[in-house]
Amino acid sequence: MTLDEQVEKIRSQQDFILFVKALAEDFKQNKDQWENQNISAYLETIGAWVADMDGYYANMGQPPPQNPSWRLFGQILLAAKIYE
């Protein structure tokens, strides 16, 4: 299962934990595919993506989430993999 598929299946805290582990493994195996390759850049990108996420959801034709969920946390972490 791809990370994109896995993030969409997050429904619980346990699902989120498994996703974070998969994300860490993806970094180890595919570091060259990550835009942000150090913790500082990754954390800055998380903040930037959250600041811009209303636009992301608008582009996807969806309303922005009003109540954070485990899946939203996973989506934020995944987006920071490639967001600049």
C-alpha atoms as a PDB file:
ATOM      1  CA  MET A   1       0.000   0.000   0.000  1.00  0.00           C
ATOM      2  CA  THR A   2       1.336   3.448  -0.868  1.00  0.00           C
ATOM      3  CA  LEU A   3       1.595   6.223   1.687  1.00  0.00           C
ATOM      4  CA  ASP A   4      -1.164   8.106  -0.149  1.00  0.00           C
ATOM      5  CA  GLU A   5      -3.456   5.090   0.184  1.00  0.00           C
ATOM      6  CA  GLN A   6      -2.464   4.478   3.788  1.00  0.00           C
ATOM      7  CA  VAL A   7      -3.072   8.074   4.890  1.00  0.00           C
ATOM      8  CA  GLU A   8      -6.629   7.925   3.538  1.00  0.00           C
ATOM      9  CA  LYS A   9      -7.332   4.866   5.703  1.00  0.00           C
ATOM     10  CA  ILE A  10      -6.366   6.533   8.995  1.00  0.00           C
ATOM     11  CA  ARG A  11      -9.356   6.338  11.309  1.00  0.00           C
ATOM     12  CA  SER A  12      -7.800   5.873  14.740  1.00  0.00           C
ATOM     13  CA  GLN A  13      -4.790   6.607  16.880  1.00  0.00           C
ATOM     14  CA  GLN A  14      -3.411   3.151  16.073  1.00  0.00           C
ATOM     15  CA  ASP A  15      -3.798   3.788  12.323  1.00  0.00           C
ATOM     16  CA  PHE A  16      -1.899   7.063  12.776  1.00  0.00           C
ATOM     17  CA  ILE A  17       0.905   5.309  14.667  1.00  0.00           C
ATOM     18  CA  LEU A  18       1.253   2.732  11.895  1.00  0.00           C
ATOM     19  CA  PHE A  19       1.276   5.513   9.295  1.00  0.00           C
ATOM     20  CA  VAL A  20       4.034   7.441  11.105  1.00  0.00           C
ATOM     21  CA  LYS A  21       6.116   4.264  11.228  1.00  0.00           C
ATOM     22  CA  ALA A  22       5.548   3.736   7.492  1.00  0.00           C
ATOM     23  CA  LEU A  23       6.478   7.372   6.828  1.00  0.00           C
ATOM     24  CA  ALA A  24       9.735   6.956   8.769  1.00  0.00           C
ATOM     25  CA  GLU A  25      10.529   3.793   6.831  1.00  0.00           C
ATOM     26  CA  ASP A  26       9.798   5.581   3.558  1.00  0.00           C
ATOM     27  CA  PHE A  27      12.293   8.284   4.535  1.00  0.00           C
ATOM     28  CA  LYS A  28      14.950   5.649   5.236  1.00  0.00           C
ATOM     29  CA  GLN A  29      14.300   3.840   1.954  1.00  0.00           C
ATOM     30  CA  ASN A  30      13.538   6.805  -0.341  1.00  0.00           C
ATOM     31  CA  LYS A  31      15.265   9.846   1.148  1.00  0.00           C
ATOM     32  CA  ASP A  32      16.098  11.138  -2.329  1.00  0.00           C
ATOM     33  CA  GLN A  33      12.358  11.481  -3.047  1.00  0.00           C
ATOM     34  CA  TRP A  34      11.793  13.745  -0.040  1.00  0.00           C
ATOM     35  CA  GLU A  35      11.930  17.493  -0.645  1.00  0.00           C
ATOM     36  CA  ASN A  36      12.720  18.184   3.030  1.00  0.00           C
ATOM     37  CA  GLN A  37      15.594  16.018   4.177  1.00  0.00           C
ATOM     38  CA  ASN A  38      16.286  17.392   7.653  1.00  0.00           C
ATOM     39  CA  ILE A  39      14.072  17.917  10.679  1.00  0.00           C
ATOM     40  CA  SER A  40      14.282  21.716  10.557  1.00  0.00           C
ATOM     41  CA  ALA A  41      13.107  21.929   6.943  1.00  0.00           C
ATOM     42  CA  TYR A  42      10.440  19.286   7.549  1.00  0.00           C
ATOM     43  CA  LEU A  43       9.008  21.105  10.587  1.00  0.00           C
ATOM     44  CA  GLU A  44       9.040  24.460   8.784  1.00  0.00           C
ATOM     45  CA  THR A  45       7.185  22.842   5.918  1.00  0.00           C
ATOM     46  CA  ILE A  46       4.567  21.368   8.236  1.00  0.00           C
ATOM     47  CA  GLY A  47       3.835  24.880   9.491  1.00  0.00           C
ATOM     48  CA  ALA A  48       3.718  26.299   5.964  1.00  0.00           C
ATOM     49  CA  TRP A  49       1.396  23.557   4.713  1.00  0.00           C
ATOM     50  CA  VAL A  50      -0.994  24.010   7.632  1.00  0.00           C
ATOM     51  CA  ALA A  51      -1.044  27.768   6.953  1.00  0.00           C
ATOM     52  CA  ASP A  52      -1.944  27.060   3.301  1.00  0.00           C
ATOM     53  CA  MET A  53      -4.163  24.000   3.772  1.00  0.00           C
ATOM     54  CA  ASP A  54      -7.454  25.854   3.232  1.00  0.00           C
ATOM     55  CA  GLY A  55      -6.275  26.475  -0.348  1.00  0.00           C
ATOM     56  CA  TYR A  56      -5.360  22.802  -0.756  1.00  0.00           C
ATOM     57  CA  TYR A  57      -8.827  21.701   0.290  1.00  0.00           C
ATOM     58  CA  ALA A  58     -10.449  24.363  -1.906  1.00  0.00           C
ATOM     59  CA  ASN A  59      -8.458  23.037  -4.894  1.00  0.00           C
ATOM     60  CA  MET A  60      -9.658  19.522  -4.048  1.00  0.00           C
ATOM     61  CA  GLY A  61     -13.268  20.751  -3.945  1.00  0.00           C
ATOM     62  CA  GLN A  62     -13.574  19.964  -0.245  1.00  0.00           C
ATOM     63  CA  PRO A  63     -14.219  22.149   2.771  1.00  0.00           C
ATOM     64  CA  PRO A  64     -11.257  22.523   5.124  1.00  0.00           C
ATOM     65  CA  PRO A  65     -11.525  20.333   8.224  1.00  0.00           C
ATOM     66  CA  GLN A  66     -13.015  22.095  11.222  1.00  0.00           C
ATOM     67  CA  ASN A  67     -12.065  19.421  13.764  1.00  0.00           C
ATOM     68  CA  PRO A  68      -8.616  17.845  13.441  1.00  0.00           C
ATOM     69  CA  SER A  69      -8.553  14.074  13.092  1.00  0.00           C
ATOM     70  CA  TRP A  70      -5.855  11.431  13.163  1.00  0.00           C
ATOM     71  CA  ARG A  71      -6.155  11.308   9.367  1.00  0.00           C
ATOM     72  CA  LEU A  72      -5.599  15.066   9.100  1.00  0.00           C
ATOM     73  CA  PHE A  73      -2.427  14.753  11.186  1.00  0.00           C
ATOM     74  CA  GLY A  74      -1.268  12.033   8.807  1.00  0.00           C
ATOM     75  CA  GLN A  75      -2.092  14.164   5.766  1.00  0.00           C
ATOM     76  CA  ILE A  76      -0.075  17.046   7.227  1.00  0.00           C
ATOM     77  CA  LEU A  77       2.972  14.843   7.810  1.00  0.00           C
ATOM     78  CA  LEU A  78       2.703  13.334   4.326  1.00  0.00           C
ATOM     79  CA  ALA A  79       2.303  16.720   2.652  1.00  0.00           C
ATOM     80  CA  ALA A  80       5.488  17.961   4.334  1.00  0.00           C
ATOM     81  CA  LYS A  81       7.389  15.195   2.538  1.00  0.00           C
ATOM     82  CA  ILE A  82       7.198  17.119  -0.734  1.00  0.00           C
ATOM     83  CA  TYR A  83       5.765  20.588   0.017  1.00  0.00           C
ATOM     84  CA  GLU A  84       8.163  23.486  -0.445  1.00  0.00           C
END
